[in-house]
Amino acid sequence: MTSLLAYVGAAIGEIAGCFSFWAWLRLGKSVWWVAPGLVSLSVFAYLLTLVNATAAGRAYAAYGGVYIAASLFWLWAIDGTRPDRWDVVGAAICLVGAGIILFGPRPVVS
C-alpha cells in the first residue's frame, strides 16, 4: 500500500512539475510558475525512494505504468480532453506491465 501511495503521489508531483514548465513555455504564464514546479519535481523524486523495490531501476520501470495512467487522468481532469478507448487500453497494458515488474517472483539472493 505504501508503494501505491508513493507512486500516485510521485505521479502527481512529476506531472504538476512538468506542467509548470509547459505553462510557462507553451501557455505564456509567468516564469514564477516554474518555482512551485521545481518543488513538485523534488517531491516526486523523494516519493520514488519510498517504493518497496529491490532496485531503483525496477522501481522506476514500474512507475512508468503509473505515470502513463496518471497522465491520462491529467488529460481528462486538467486539459479537459477525455481519453479515448485506445488511451485506456494502452494505460491498462502499462499498469499490468508495471505490476509484473514490481510483483513478479524473483529468486532470493543470499
Protein backbone atom coordinates (compact mmCIF):
# COMPACT_ATOMS: atom_id res chain seq x y z
CA MET A 1 0.00 0.00 0.00
CA THR A 2 2.86 2.38 0.78
CA SER A 3 4.33 1.80 -2.69
CA LEU A 4 1.00 2.51 -4.36
CA LEU A 5 0.59 5.78 -2.44
CA ALA A 6 4.19 6.73 -3.21
CA TYR A 7 3.63 6.06 -6.91
CA VAL A 8 0.40 8.07 -7.02
CA GLY A 9 1.99 10.96 -5.15
CA ALA A 10 5.07 10.80 -7.36
CA ALA A 11 2.92 10.88 -10.48
CA ILE A 12 1.06 13.95 -9.26
CA GLY A 13 4.35 15.62 -8.35
CA GLU A 14 6.00 14.86 -11.66
CA ILE A 15 3.07 15.82 -13.84
CA ALA A 16 2.41 19.03 -11.91
CA GLY A 17 6.10 19.92 -12.01
CA CYS A 18 6.36 19.30 -15.74
CA PHE A 19 3.12 21.18 -16.33
CA SER A 20 4.60 24.25 -14.65
CA PHE A 21 7.24 24.37 -17.39
CA TRP A 22 4.56 23.70 -20.04
CA ALA A 23 2.50 26.59 -18.67
CA TRP A 24 5.49 28.91 -18.72
CA LEU A 25 6.89 27.95 -22.11
CA ARG A 26 3.76 26.97 -24.05
CA LEU A 27 0.88 28.80 -22.39
CA GLY A 28 2.65 32.10 -21.78
CA LYS A 29 2.38 32.01 -17.98
CA SER A 30 4.85 33.86 -15.78
CA VAL A 31 8.28 32.35 -15.16
CA TRP A 32 7.20 32.19 -11.50
CA TRP A 33 5.17 29.09 -12.39
CA VAL A 34 8.49 27.25 -12.51
CA ALA A 35 9.29 27.72 -8.78
CA PRO A 36 6.48 25.53 -7.42
CA GLY A 37 7.15 23.16 -10.30
CA LEU A 38 10.70 22.60 -9.10
CA VAL A 39 9.43 21.88 -5.59
CA SER A 40 6.90 19.48 -7.06
CA LEU A 41 9.61 17.65 -9.03
CA SER A 42 11.69 17.35 -5.84
CA VAL A 43 8.72 15.80 -4.04
CA PHE A 44 8.31 13.40 -6.97
CA ALA A 45 11.93 12.24 -6.69
CA TYR A 46 11.68 11.82 -2.92
CA LEU A 47 8.47 9.79 -3.12
CA LEU A 48 10.04 7.30 -5.51
CA THR A 49 12.61 6.49 -2.81
CA LEU A 50 9.75 5.23 -0.62
CA VAL A 51 8.74 2.47 -3.05
CA ASN A 52 9.32 -1.05 -1.78
CA ALA A 53 11.51 -2.41 -4.58
CA THR A 54 14.78 -4.33 -4.61
CA ALA A 55 16.46 -1.91 -7.03
CA ALA A 56 15.96 1.69 -8.09
CA GLY A 57 15.71 0.80 -11.77
CA ARG A 58 12.89 -1.65 -11.07
CA ALA A 59 11.00 0.96 -9.04
CA TYR A 60 11.40 3.48 -11.87
CA ALA A 61 10.34 1.00 -14.55
CA ALA A 62 7.19 0.05 -12.67
CA TYR A 63 6.49 3.72 -12.04
CA GLY A 64 6.31 4.26 -15.79
CA GLY A 65 2.96 2.47 -15.98
CA VAL A 66 1.53 4.54 -13.14
CA TYR A 67 2.81 7.72 -14.78
CA ILE A 68 1.08 6.88 -18.05
CA ALA A 69 -2.26 6.25 -16.34
CA ALA A 70 -1.92 9.42 -14.23
CA SER A 71 -1.05 11.45 -17.33
CA LEU A 72 -4.29 10.34 -18.96
CA PHE A 73 -6.19 11.35 -15.84
CA TRP A 74 -4.48 14.77 -16.09
CA LEU A 75 -5.51 14.92 -19.75
CA TRP A 76 -9.12 14.49 -18.67
CA ALA A 77 -9.22 16.47 -15.40
CA ILE A 78 -6.94 19.41 -16.24
CA ASP A 79 -6.74 19.60 -20.04
CA GLY A 80 -10.43 18.84 -20.45
CA THR A 81 -9.90 16.10 -23.05
CA ARG A 82 -11.47 12.75 -22.35
CA PRO A 83 -9.14 9.80 -23.03
CA ASP A 84 -10.38 7.55 -25.81
CA ARG A 85 -10.58 3.77 -25.65
CA TRP A 86 -7.07 3.38 -27.06
CA ASP A 87 -5.69 5.60 -24.32
CA VAL A 88 -7.47 3.48 -21.70
CA VAL A 89 -6.38 0.16 -23.23
CA GLY A 90 -2.79 1.36 -23.53
CA ALA A 91 -2.74 2.57 -19.93
CA ALA A 92 -4.22 -0.73 -18.71
CA ILE A 93 -1.50 -2.67 -20.54
CA CYS A 94 1.14 -0.44 -18.96
CA LEU A 95 -0.32 -0.94 -15.47
CA VAL A 96 -0.31 -4.71 -15.94
CA GLY A 97 3.32 -4.47 -17.04
CA ALA A 98 4.17 -2.33 -14.01
CA GLY A 99 2.58 -4.92 -11.74
CA ILE A 100 4.57 -7.72 -13.35
CA ILE A 101 7.80 -5.75 -12.97
CA LEU A 102 7.17 -4.85 -9.33
CA PHE A 103 5.49 -8.01 -8.02
CA GLY A 104 6.82 -10.77 -10.26
CA PRO A 105 8.52 -13.67 -8.46
CA ARG A 106 12.25 -13.25 -8.13
CA PRO A 107 14.88 -15.63 -6.82
CA VAL A 108 16.04 -14.89 -3.29
CA VAL A 109 19.64 -13.68 -3.30
CA SER A 110 21.70 -14.59 -0.24
